[in-house]
Amino acid sequence: MEWNKKVAVITGAGGVLLGAYAKELASRGVKVAVLSRRFEGAKSIASAITDAGGTAKPYGCDVLDRENLIKTEEQIYKDFGQYHIIINGAGGNMPSANTTNEIFNPKDADNLDICSFFDLNLKDLEKVFSINFFGTFLVTQIFAKRLIGVKGATIINFSSMSAQTPLTKVPGYSAAKAAIDNFTKWLAVYFAEQGVRVNAIAPGFLVTNQNKTLLTNPDGSLTPRSHKIIGHTPMKRFGEARDLFGTLSWLCDEEASGFVTGSVIAVDGGFHAYSGV
């Protein structure tokens, strides 16, 4: 693929994973629109790209603000012209949408220090579902119009291991990512005759700024939850941002994956394949 003729729009690109991939694409010659709710995060990534000789521009963008998205899309088209790749990377979880324990104990109901399923707040779950699913939905709805009939047009969503096998403690996040899988397949069928491919990537466990305190102790040692994760990952390690580069690049490249649409690709060190026995 002639990477230097492509333009990519990446949401959530102010973070560790998507920021790293924005830099990877730019190193191949792709022009990158770096979108993040925190403009400073987007600016930092875009500056790193331009300092390395690449082409990128930062955009402060809330993926749940329709009017903001419309204005951002118009500005990106004005700045770069036709774009070809949309990567929906914005998402995440929040502690208040999680249960404290993995399994319910009747005594939890009377313990104010424990959040059980019965204590979960609907508004917190709605926030988690919105940033993961509706953020992807709105970005696709507003940006994908310009992809219709464009050679090499592709959309890549971000799923999770939790979509296929719900992880304990995170019911809202798991449900939202399951919705991403379903939505990816629906979109793939809907846009297939227009030449727009839609796929998703489902990362395994990677250490990010968001989950670092859940996976590691202040001294850098693994938490009990991390030991369980590593024990169920046949490759016996956490993933790194660069572990996603190959799969993401393959999905971006119409010459390499032109007949692939509606797929959810796991990059997880074998986590989803291991039954624990």
C-alpha atoms as a PDB file:
ATOM      1  CA  MET A   1       0.000   0.000   0.000  1.00  0.00           C
ATOM      2  CA  GLU A   2       1.147   3.539  -0.718  1.00  0.00           C
ATOM      3  CA  TRP A   3       1.021   4.748   2.862  1.00  0.00           C
ATOM      4  CA  ASN A   4       2.129   8.271   1.970  1.00  0.00           C
ATOM      5  CA  LYS A   5      -1.125   8.811   0.082  1.00  0.00           C
ATOM      6  CA  LYS A   6      -3.299   7.972   3.089  1.00  0.00           C
ATOM      7  CA  VAL A   7      -4.868  10.110   5.792  1.00  0.00           C
ATOM      8  CA  ALA A   8      -5.934   8.570   9.110  1.00  0.00           C
ATOM      9  CA  VAL A   9      -8.337   9.902  11.734  1.00  0.00           C
ATOM     10  CA  ILE A  10      -7.658   8.426  15.186  1.00  0.00           C
ATOM     11  CA  THR A  11      -9.793   9.081  18.266  1.00  0.00           C
ATOM     12  CA  GLY A  12      -8.354   8.547  21.720  1.00  0.00           C
ATOM     13  CA  ALA A  13      -4.959   9.286  20.203  1.00  0.00           C
ATOM     14  CA  GLY A  14      -3.817  11.342  23.156  1.00  0.00           C
ATOM     15  CA  GLY A  15      -3.397   8.122  25.147  1.00  0.00           C
ATOM     16  CA  VAL A  16      -0.629   5.540  25.311  1.00  0.00           C
ATOM     17  CA  LEU A  17      -1.881   2.914  22.858  1.00  0.00           C
ATOM     18  CA  LEU A  18      -3.493   5.015  20.152  1.00  0.00           C
ATOM     19  CA  GLY A  19      -0.838   7.686  20.486  1.00  0.00           C
ATOM     20  CA  ALA A  20       1.829   5.078  19.836  1.00  0.00           C
ATOM     21  CA  TYR A  21       0.010   3.838  16.769  1.00  0.00           C
ATOM     22  CA  ALA A  22      -0.499   7.372  15.467  1.00  0.00           C
ATOM     23  CA  LYS A  23       3.296   7.710  15.568  1.00  0.00           C
ATOM     24  CA  GLU A  24       3.688   4.334  13.850  1.00  0.00           C
ATOM     25  CA  LEU A  25       1.369   5.298  10.990  1.00  0.00           C
ATOM     26  CA  ALA A  26       3.077   8.653  10.615  1.00  0.00           C
ATOM     27  CA  SER A  27       6.465   6.926  10.390  1.00  0.00           C
ATOM     28  CA  ARG A  28       5.124   5.111   7.335  1.00  0.00           C
ATOM     29  CA  GLY A  29       4.145   8.393   5.688  1.00  0.00           C
ATOM     30  CA  VAL A  30       0.469   8.523   6.659  1.00  0.00           C
ATOM     31  CA  LYS A  31      -0.909  11.972   7.494  1.00  0.00           C
ATOM     32  CA  VAL A  32      -2.600  11.727  10.884  1.00  0.00           C
ATOM     33  CA  ALA A  33      -5.457  13.649  12.501  1.00  0.00           C
ATOM     34  CA  VAL A  34      -4.855  13.179  16.234  1.00  0.00           C
ATOM     35  CA  LEU A  35      -8.119  13.430  18.191  1.00  0.00           C
ATOM     36  CA  SER A  36      -8.397  13.466  21.957  1.00  0.00           C
ATOM     37  CA  ARG A  37     -10.797  14.918  24.498  1.00  0.00           C
ATOM     38  CA  ARG A  38      -7.743  16.469  26.124  1.00  0.00           C
ATOM     39  CA  PHE A  39      -6.269  18.803  23.533  1.00  0.00           C
ATOM     40  CA  GLU A  40      -2.923  18.856  25.335  1.00  0.00           C
ATOM     41  CA  GLY A  41      -2.665  15.083  24.914  1.00  0.00           C
ATOM     42  CA  ALA A  42      -3.423  15.337  21.204  1.00  0.00           C
ATOM     43  CA  LYS A  43      -0.982  18.238  20.849  1.00  0.00           C
ATOM     44  CA  SER A  44       1.802  16.259  22.524  1.00  0.00           C
ATOM     45  CA  ILE A  45       1.398  13.304  20.151  1.00  0.00           C
ATOM     46  CA  ALA A  46       1.077  15.501  17.071  1.00  0.00           C
ATOM     47  CA  SER A  47       4.196  17.457  18.069  1.00  0.00           C
ATOM     48  CA  ALA A  48       6.164  14.244  18.524  1.00  0.00           C
ATOM     49  CA  ILE A  49       5.115  13.181  15.027  1.00  0.00           C
ATOM     50  CA  THR A  50       6.029  16.467  13.356  1.00  0.00           C
ATOM     51  CA  ASP A  51       9.325  16.639  15.258  1.00  0.00           C
ATOM     52  CA  ALA A  52      10.162  13.235  13.771  1.00  0.00           C
ATOM     53  CA  GLY A  53       9.428  14.493  10.270  1.00  0.00           C
ATOM     54  CA  GLY A  54       5.849  13.251   9.959  1.00  0.00           C
ATOM     55  CA  THR A  55       2.606  15.093   9.272  1.00  0.00           C
ATOM     56  CA  ALA A  56      -0.041  15.410  11.979  1.00  0.00           C
ATOM     57  CA  LYS A  57      -2.450  17.903  13.499  1.00  0.00           C
ATOM     58  CA  PRO A  58      -4.106  17.799  16.935  1.00  0.00           C
ATOM     59  CA  TYR A  59      -7.811  18.255  17.546  1.00  0.00           C
ATOM     60  CA  GLY A  60      -9.570  18.585  20.891  1.00  0.00           C
ATOM     61  CA  CYS A  61     -12.655  16.485  20.378  1.00  0.00           C
ATOM     62  CA  ASP A  62     -15.357  14.995  22.600  1.00  0.00           C
ATOM     63  CA  VAL A  63     -16.667  11.879  20.849  1.00  0.00           C
ATOM     64  CA  LEU A  64     -20.021  12.274  22.625  1.00  0.00           C
ATOM     65  CA  ASP A  65     -20.565  15.855  21.440  1.00  0.00           C
ATOM     66  CA  ARG A  66     -22.237  15.662  18.039  1.00  0.00           C
ATOM     67  CA  GLU A  67     -21.801  19.334  17.163  1.00  0.00           C
ATOM     68  CA  ASN A  68     -18.166  19.230  18.200  1.00  0.00           C
ATOM     69  CA  LEU A  69     -17.650  16.165  16.022  1.00  0.00           C
ATOM     70  CA  ILE A  70     -19.256  17.808  13.002  1.00  0.00           C
ATOM     71  CA  LYS A  71     -17.019  20.871  13.311  1.00  0.00           C
ATOM     72  CA  THR A  72     -13.953  18.695  13.865  1.00  0.00           C
ATOM     73  CA  GLU A  73     -14.727  16.564  10.807  1.00  0.00           C
ATOM     74  CA  GLU A  74     -15.140  19.648   8.651  1.00  0.00           C
ATOM     75  CA  GLN A  75     -11.838  21.074   9.896  1.00  0.00           C
ATOM     76  CA  ILE A  76      -9.991  17.808   9.280  1.00  0.00           C
ATOM     77  CA  TYR A  77     -11.310  17.656   5.722  1.00  0.00           C
ATOM     78  CA  LYS A  78     -10.253  21.265   5.222  1.00  0.00           C
ATOM     79  CA  ASP A  79      -6.779  20.546   6.625  1.00  0.00           C
ATOM     80  CA  PHE A  80      -6.065  17.204   4.951  1.00  0.00           C
ATOM     81  CA  GLY A  81      -8.634  16.616   2.232  1.00  0.00           C
ATOM     82  CA  GLN A  82      -9.923  13.066   1.786  1.00  0.00           C
ATOM     83  CA  TYR A  83      -9.200  10.712   4.650  1.00  0.00           C
ATOM     84  CA  HIS A  84      -9.189   6.913   4.264  1.00  0.00           C
ATOM     85  CA  ILE A  85      -8.757   5.357   7.707  1.00  0.00           C
ATOM     86  CA  ILE A  86     -10.892   5.847  10.820  1.00  0.00           C
ATOM     87  CA  ILE A  87      -9.683   4.270  14.046  1.00  0.00           C
ATOM     88  CA  ASN A  88     -12.186   4.473  16.890  1.00  0.00           C
ATOM     89  CA  GLY A  89      -9.862   4.244  19.865  1.00  0.00           C
ATOM     90  CA  ALA A  90     -11.657   6.448  22.401  1.00  0.00           C
ATOM     91  CA  GLY A  91     -13.021   4.454  25.319  1.00  0.00           C
ATOM     92  CA  GLY A  92     -12.329   3.318  28.837  1.00  0.00           C
ATOM     93  CA  ASN A  93     -13.797   2.433  32.192  1.00  0.00           C
ATOM     94  CA  MET A  94     -14.319   4.139  35.549  1.00  0.00           C
ATOM     95  CA  PRO A  95     -13.903   2.672  39.067  1.00  0.00           C
ATOM     96  CA  SER A  96     -17.400   3.691  40.176  1.00  0.00           C
ATOM     97  CA  ALA A  97     -18.896   1.418  37.498  1.00  0.00           C
ATOM     98  CA  ASN A  98     -17.153  -1.662  38.931  1.00  0.00           C
ATOM     99  CA  THR A  99     -18.042  -4.086  41.669  1.00  0.00           C
ATOM    100  CA  THR A 100     -15.562  -4.442  44.509  1.00  0.00           C
ATOM    101  CA  ASN A 101     -15.535  -8.232  44.518  1.00  0.00           C
ATOM    102  CA  GLU A 102     -15.603 -10.786  41.751  1.00  0.00           C
ATOM    103  CA  ILE A 103     -18.336 -12.919  43.316  1.00  0.00           C
ATOM    104  CA  PHE A 104     -21.333 -11.851  45.414  1.00  0.00           C
ATOM    105  CA  ASN A 105     -21.411 -12.530  49.138  1.00  0.00           C
ATOM    106  CA  PRO A 106     -24.695 -11.760  50.970  1.00  0.00           C
ATOM    107  CA  LYS A 107     -22.681  -9.900  53.614  1.00  0.00           C
ATOM    108  CA  ASP A 108     -21.648  -7.382  50.963  1.00  0.00           C
ATOM    109  CA  ALA A 109     -25.121  -5.849  51.019  1.00  0.00           C
ATOM    110  CA  ASP A 110     -24.559  -4.481  54.527  1.00  0.00           C
ATOM    111  CA  ASN A 111     -20.982  -3.331  54.006  1.00  0.00           C
ATOM    112  CA  LEU A 112     -20.755   0.320  52.994  1.00  0.00           C
ATOM    113  CA  ASP A 113     -17.146  -0.168  51.914  1.00  0.00           C
ATOM    114  CA  ILE A 114     -18.101  -2.716  49.271  1.00  0.00           C
ATOM    115  CA  CYS A 115     -19.872  -2.000  45.992  1.00  0.00           C
ATOM    116  CA  SER A 116     -21.926  -5.003  44.952  1.00  0.00           C
ATOM    117  CA  PHE A 117     -24.014  -5.427  41.827  1.00  0.00           C
ATOM    118  CA  PHE A 118     -26.969  -4.032  43.768  1.00  0.00           C
ATOM    119  CA  ASP A 119     -25.068  -0.822  44.533  1.00  0.00           C
ATOM    120  CA  LEU A 120     -24.010   0.029  40.991  1.00  0.00           C
ATOM    121  CA  ASN A 121     -25.163   3.451  39.847  1.00  0.00           C
ATOM    122  CA  LEU A 122     -26.969   3.573  36.499  1.00  0.00           C
ATOM    123  CA  LYS A 123     -25.487   6.959  35.585  1.00  0.00           C
ATOM    124  CA  ASP A 124     -21.946   5.628  36.022  1.00  0.00           C
ATOM    125  CA  LEU A 125     -22.742   2.627  33.836  1.00  0.00           C
ATOM    126  CA  GLU A 126     -24.282   4.932  31.244  1.00  0.00           C
ATOM    127  CA  LYS A 127     -21.065   6.984  31.138  1.00  0.00           C
ATOM    128  CA  VAL A 128     -18.972   3.864  30.529  1.00  0.00           C
ATOM    129  CA  PHE A 129     -21.353   2.554  27.883  1.00  0.00           C
ATOM    130  CA  SER A 130     -21.517   5.955  26.205  1.00  0.00           C
ATOM    131  CA  ILE A 131     -17.772   6.591  25.898  1.00  0.00           C
ATOM    132  CA  ASN A 132     -17.177   3.114  24.490  1.00  0.00           C
ATOM    133  CA  PHE A 133     -20.204   2.448  22.300  1.00  0.00           C
ATOM    134  CA  PHE A 134     -21.938   5.725  21.533  1.00  0.00           C
ATOM    135  CA  GLY A 135     -18.574   7.443  21.041  1.00  0.00           C
ATOM    136  CA  THR A 136     -17.765   4.894  18.341  1.00  0.00           C
ATOM    137  CA  PHE A 137     -21.282   5.152  16.898  1.00  0.00           C
ATOM    138  CA  LEU A 138     -21.250   8.959  16.615  1.00  0.00           C
ATOM    139  CA  VAL A 139     -17.750   9.226  15.168  1.00  0.00           C
ATOM    140  CA  THR A 140     -18.616   6.619  12.537  1.00  0.00           C
ATOM    141  CA  GLN A 141     -21.940   8.243  11.731  1.00  0.00           C
ATOM    142  CA  ILE A 142     -20.364  11.655  11.154  1.00  0.00           C
ATOM    143  CA  PHE A 143     -17.029  10.707   9.578  1.00  0.00           C
ATOM    144  CA  ALA A 144     -17.936   7.657   7.482  1.00  0.00           C
ATOM    145  CA  LYS A 145     -20.011   9.640   4.982  1.00  0.00           C
ATOM    146  CA  ARG A 146     -16.821  10.767   3.267  1.00  0.00           C
ATOM    147  CA  LEU A 147     -15.576   7.180   2.995  1.00  0.00           C
ATOM    148  CA  ILE A 148     -18.362   5.989   0.713  1.00  0.00           C
ATOM    149  CA  GLY A 149     -16.860   4.790  -2.554  1.00  0.00           C
ATOM    150  CA  VAL A 150     -13.301   5.746  -1.543  1.00  0.00           C
ATOM    151  CA  LYS A 151     -10.652   3.185  -2.488  1.00  0.00           C
ATOM    152  CA  GLY A 152      -9.074   1.605   0.566  1.00  0.00           C
ATOM    153  CA  ALA A 153     -11.612   3.056   3.007  1.00  0.00           C
ATOM    154  CA  THR A 154     -11.515   1.245   6.321  1.00  0.00           C
ATOM    155  CA  ILE A 155     -12.880   1.623   9.841  1.00  0.00           C
ATOM    156  CA  ILE A 156     -11.236  -0.067  12.810  1.00  0.00           C
ATOM    157  CA  ASN A 157     -13.031  -0.223  16.149  1.00  0.00           C
ATOM    158  CA  PHE A 158     -11.566  -1.169  19.514  1.00  0.00           C
ATOM    159  CA  SER A 159     -13.113  -4.150  21.246  1.00  0.00           C
ATOM    160  CA  SER A 160     -11.784  -6.062  24.261  1.00  0.00           C
ATOM    161  CA  MET A 161     -11.297  -9.538  25.664  1.00  0.00           C
ATOM    162  CA  SER A 162     -14.168  -8.606  27.955  1.00  0.00           C
ATOM    163  CA  ALA A 163     -16.579  -8.572  25.014  1.00  0.00           C
ATOM    164  CA  GLN A 164     -16.260 -12.310  24.380  1.00  0.00           C
ATOM    165  CA  THR A 165     -15.700 -13.488  27.945  1.00  0.00           C
ATOM    166  CA  PRO A 166     -16.975 -10.923  30.472  1.00  0.00           C
ATOM    167  CA  LEU A 167     -14.325 -10.046  32.989  1.00  0.00           C
ATOM    168  CA  THR A 168     -15.283  -9.974  36.649  1.00  0.00           C
ATOM    169  CA  LYS A 169     -15.973  -6.613  38.314  1.00  0.00           C
ATOM    170  CA  VAL A 170     -16.576  -4.663  35.063  1.00  0.00           C
ATOM    171  CA  PRO A 171     -20.159  -5.327  33.905  1.00  0.00           C
ATOM    172  CA  GLY A 172     -20.660  -1.984  32.153  1.00  0.00           C
ATOM    173  CA  TYR A 173     -17.369  -2.093  30.274  1.00  0.00           C
ATOM    174  CA  SER A 174     -17.942  -5.707  29.236  1.00  0.00           C
ATOM    175  CA  ALA A 175     -21.424  -4.951  27.910  1.00  0.00           C
ATOM    176  CA  ALA A 176     -20.197  -1.879  26.020  1.00  0.00           C
ATOM    177  CA  LYS A 177     -17.400  -3.788  24.303  1.00  0.00           C
ATOM    178  CA  ALA A 178     -19.794  -6.608  23.407  1.00  0.00           C
ATOM    179  CA  ALA A 179     -21.897  -3.933  21.718  1.00  0.00           C
ATOM    180  CA  ILE A 180     -18.813  -2.839  19.764  1.00  0.00           C
ATOM    181  CA  ASP A 181     -18.372  -6.376  18.399  1.00  0.00           C
ATOM    182  CA  ASN A 182     -22.000  -6.524  17.287  1.00  0.00           C
ATOM    183  CA  PHE A 183     -21.912  -3.019  15.820  1.00  0.00           C
ATOM    184  CA  THR A 184     -18.718  -3.786  13.905  1.00  0.00           C
ATOM    185  CA  LYS A 185     -20.351  -6.752  12.192  1.00  0.00           C
ATOM    186  CA  TRP A 186     -23.519  -4.802  11.462  1.00  0.00           C
ATOM    187  CA  LEU A 187     -21.578  -1.928   9.905  1.00  0.00           C
ATOM    188  CA  ALA A 188     -19.460  -4.326   7.862  1.00  0.00           C
ATOM    189  CA  VAL A 189     -22.561  -5.700   6.172  1.00  0.00           C
ATOM    190  CA  TYR A 190     -24.180  -2.287   5.782  1.00  0.00           C
ATOM    191  CA  PHE A 191     -21.173  -0.716   4.037  1.00  0.00           C
ATOM    192  CA  ALA A 192     -19.848  -3.762   2.174  1.00  0.00           C
ATOM    193  CA  GLU A 193     -21.245  -2.786  -1.243  1.00  0.00           C
ATOM    194  CA  GLN A 194     -19.776   0.705  -0.860  1.00  0.00           C
ATOM    195  CA  GLY A 195     -16.237  -0.593  -0.460  1.00  0.00           C
ATOM    196  CA  VAL A 196     -15.853   0.396   3.182  1.00  0.00           C
ATOM    197  CA  ARG A 197     -14.363  -2.369   5.328  1.00  0.00           C
ATOM    198  CA  VAL A 198     -15.183  -2.432   9.049  1.00  0.00           C
ATOM    199  CA  ASN A 199     -13.270  -4.554  11.540  1.00  0.00           C
ATOM    200  CA  ALA A 200     -12.323  -4.484  15.196  1.00  0.00           C
ATOM    201  CA  ILE A 201      -9.246  -5.341  17.169  1.00  0.00           C
ATOM    202  CA  ALA A 202      -9.583  -6.935  20.616  1.00  0.00           C
ATOM    203  CA  PRO A 203      -6.424  -6.341  22.658  1.00  0.00           C
ATOM    204  CA  GLY A 204      -5.480  -8.537  25.544  1.00  0.00           C
ATOM    205  CA  PHE A 205      -4.101  -7.007  28.708  1.00  0.00           C
ATOM    206  CA  LEU A 206      -1.772  -4.084  28.092  1.00  0.00           C
ATOM    207  CA  VAL A 207      -0.560  -1.776  30.834  1.00  0.00           C
ATOM    208  CA  THR A 208      -1.810   1.778  30.246  1.00  0.00           C
ATOM    209  CA  ASN A 209      -2.072   4.930  32.344  1.00  0.00           C
ATOM    210  CA  GLN A 210      -5.709   4.069  32.996  1.00  0.00           C
ATOM    211  CA  ASN A 211      -5.234   0.540  34.360  1.00  0.00           C
ATOM    212  CA  LYS A 212      -1.719   0.788  35.781  1.00  0.00           C
ATOM    213  CA  THR A 213      -2.915   1.100  39.392  1.00  0.00           C
ATOM    214  CA  LEU A 214      -5.147  -1.959  38.953  1.00  0.00           C
ATOM    215  CA  LEU A 215      -2.388  -4.131  37.524  1.00  0.00           C
ATOM    216  CA  THR A 216       0.662  -3.019  39.476  1.00  0.00           C
ATOM    217  CA  ASN A 217       1.397  -2.002  43.060  1.00  0.00           C
ATOM    218  CA  PRO A 218       3.216   1.276  43.874  1.00  0.00           C
ATOM    219  CA  ASP A 219       6.483  -0.665  44.026  1.00  0.00           C
ATOM    220  CA  GLY A 220       5.928  -2.060  40.541  1.00  0.00           C
ATOM    221  CA  SER A 221       5.017  -5.583  41.630  1.00  0.00           C
ATOM    222  CA  LEU A 222       1.947  -7.321  40.235  1.00  0.00           C
ATOM    223  CA  THR A 223      -1.396  -7.111  42.006  1.00  0.00           C
ATOM    224  CA  PRO A 224      -3.368 -10.320  42.751  1.00  0.00           C
ATOM    225  CA  ARG A 225      -5.563  -9.581  39.717  1.00  0.00           C
ATOM    226  CA  SER A 226      -2.474  -9.307  37.528  1.00  0.00           C
ATOM    227  CA  HIS A 227      -1.228 -12.696  38.703  1.00  0.00           C
ATOM    228  CA  LYS A 228      -4.569 -14.188  37.624  1.00  0.00           C
ATOM    229  CA  ILE A 229      -4.307 -12.479  34.237  1.00  0.00           C
ATOM    230  CA  ILE A 230      -0.770 -13.690  33.596  1.00  0.00           C
ATOM    231  CA  GLY A 231      -1.789 -17.156  34.757  1.00  0.00           C
ATOM    232  CA  HIS A 232      -4.487 -17.214  32.081  1.00  0.00           C
ATOM    233  CA  THR A 233      -2.298 -15.779  29.330  1.00  0.00           C
ATOM    234  CA  PRO A 234      -0.351 -18.604  27.652  1.00  0.00           C
ATOM    235  CA  MET A 235       2.405 -16.225  26.556  1.00  0.00           C
ATOM    236  CA  LYS A 236       2.894 -15.245  30.236  1.00  0.00           C
ATOM    237  CA  ARG A 237       3.228 -11.499  29.787  1.00  0.00           C
ATOM    238  CA  PHE A 238       1.275  -8.306  29.335  1.00  0.00           C
ATOM    239  CA  GLY A 239       1.043  -6.866  25.860  1.00  0.00           C
ATOM    240  CA  GLU A 240       2.747  -3.693  24.708  1.00  0.00           C
ATOM    241  CA  ALA A 241       1.567  -1.024  22.302  1.00  0.00           C
ATOM    242  CA  ARG A 242       3.878  -2.333  19.572  1.00  0.00           C
ATOM    243  CA  ASP A 243       2.145  -5.719  19.760  1.00  0.00           C
ATOM    244  CA  LEU A 244      -0.863  -4.095  18.090  1.00  0.00           C
ATOM    245  CA  PHE A 245       1.041  -2.440  15.246  1.00  0.00           C
ATOM    246  CA  GLY A 246       1.133  -5.412  12.907  1.00  0.00           C
ATOM    247  CA  THR A 247      -2.564  -6.227  13.153  1.00  0.00           C
ATOM    248  CA  LEU A 248      -3.650  -2.603  12.904  1.00  0.00           C
ATOM    249  CA  SER A 249      -1.421  -2.027   9.889  1.00  0.00           C
ATOM    250  CA  TRP A 250      -2.719  -5.185   8.220  1.00  0.00           C
ATOM    251  CA  LEU A 251      -6.318  -4.023   8.681  1.00  0.00           C
ATOM    252  CA  CYS A 252      -5.444  -0.575   7.290  1.00  0.00           C
ATOM    253  CA  ASP A 253      -3.852  -2.053   4.163  1.00  0.00           C
ATOM    254  CA  GLU A 254      -6.408  -2.877   1.473  1.00  0.00           C
ATOM    255  CA  GLU A 255      -3.775  -4.815  -0.450  1.00  0.00           C
ATOM    256  CA  ALA A 256      -3.166  -7.134   2.500  1.00  0.00           C
ATOM    257  CA  SER A 257      -6.667  -7.422   4.011  1.00  0.00           C
ATOM    258  CA  GLY A 258      -8.971  -6.286   1.235  1.00  0.00           C
ATOM    259  CA  PHE A 259     -11.315  -9.266   1.674  1.00  0.00           C
ATOM    260  CA  VAL A 260     -11.489  -8.938   5.469  1.00  0.00           C
ATOM    261  CA  THR A 261     -14.536  -7.208   6.927  1.00  0.00           C
ATOM    262  CA  GLY A 262     -16.782  -7.871   9.903  1.00  0.00           C
ATOM    263  CA  SER A 263     -13.959  -9.530  11.844  1.00  0.00           C
ATOM    264  CA  VAL A 264     -12.842  -9.043  15.439  1.00  0.00           C
ATOM    265  CA  ILE A 265      -9.136  -9.841  15.679  1.00  0.00           C
ATOM    266  CA  ALA A 266      -7.745 -10.882  19.073  1.00  0.00           C
ATOM    267  CA  VAL A 267      -4.220  -9.732  19.969  1.00  0.00           C
ATOM    268  CA  ASP A 268      -4.044 -11.187  23.443  1.00  0.00           C
ATOM    269  CA  GLY A 269      -1.203 -13.648  23.899  1.00  0.00           C
ATOM    270  CA  GLY A 270      -3.703 -16.511  23.747  1.00  0.00           C
ATOM    271  CA  PHE A 271      -5.913 -15.306  26.622  1.00  0.00           C
ATOM    272  CA  HIS A 272      -9.212 -15.978  24.837  1.00  0.00           C
ATOM    273  CA  ALA A 273      -8.100 -19.468  23.785  1.00  0.00           C
ATOM    274  CA  TYR A 274      -7.169 -20.693  27.260  1.00  0.00           C
ATOM    275  CA  SER A 275      -9.842 -22.353  29.397  1.00  0.00           C
ATOM    276  CA  GLY A 276      -7.741 -22.252  32.547  1.00  0.00           C
ATOM    277  CA  VAL A 277      -7.291 -26.032  32.609  1.00  0.00           C
END
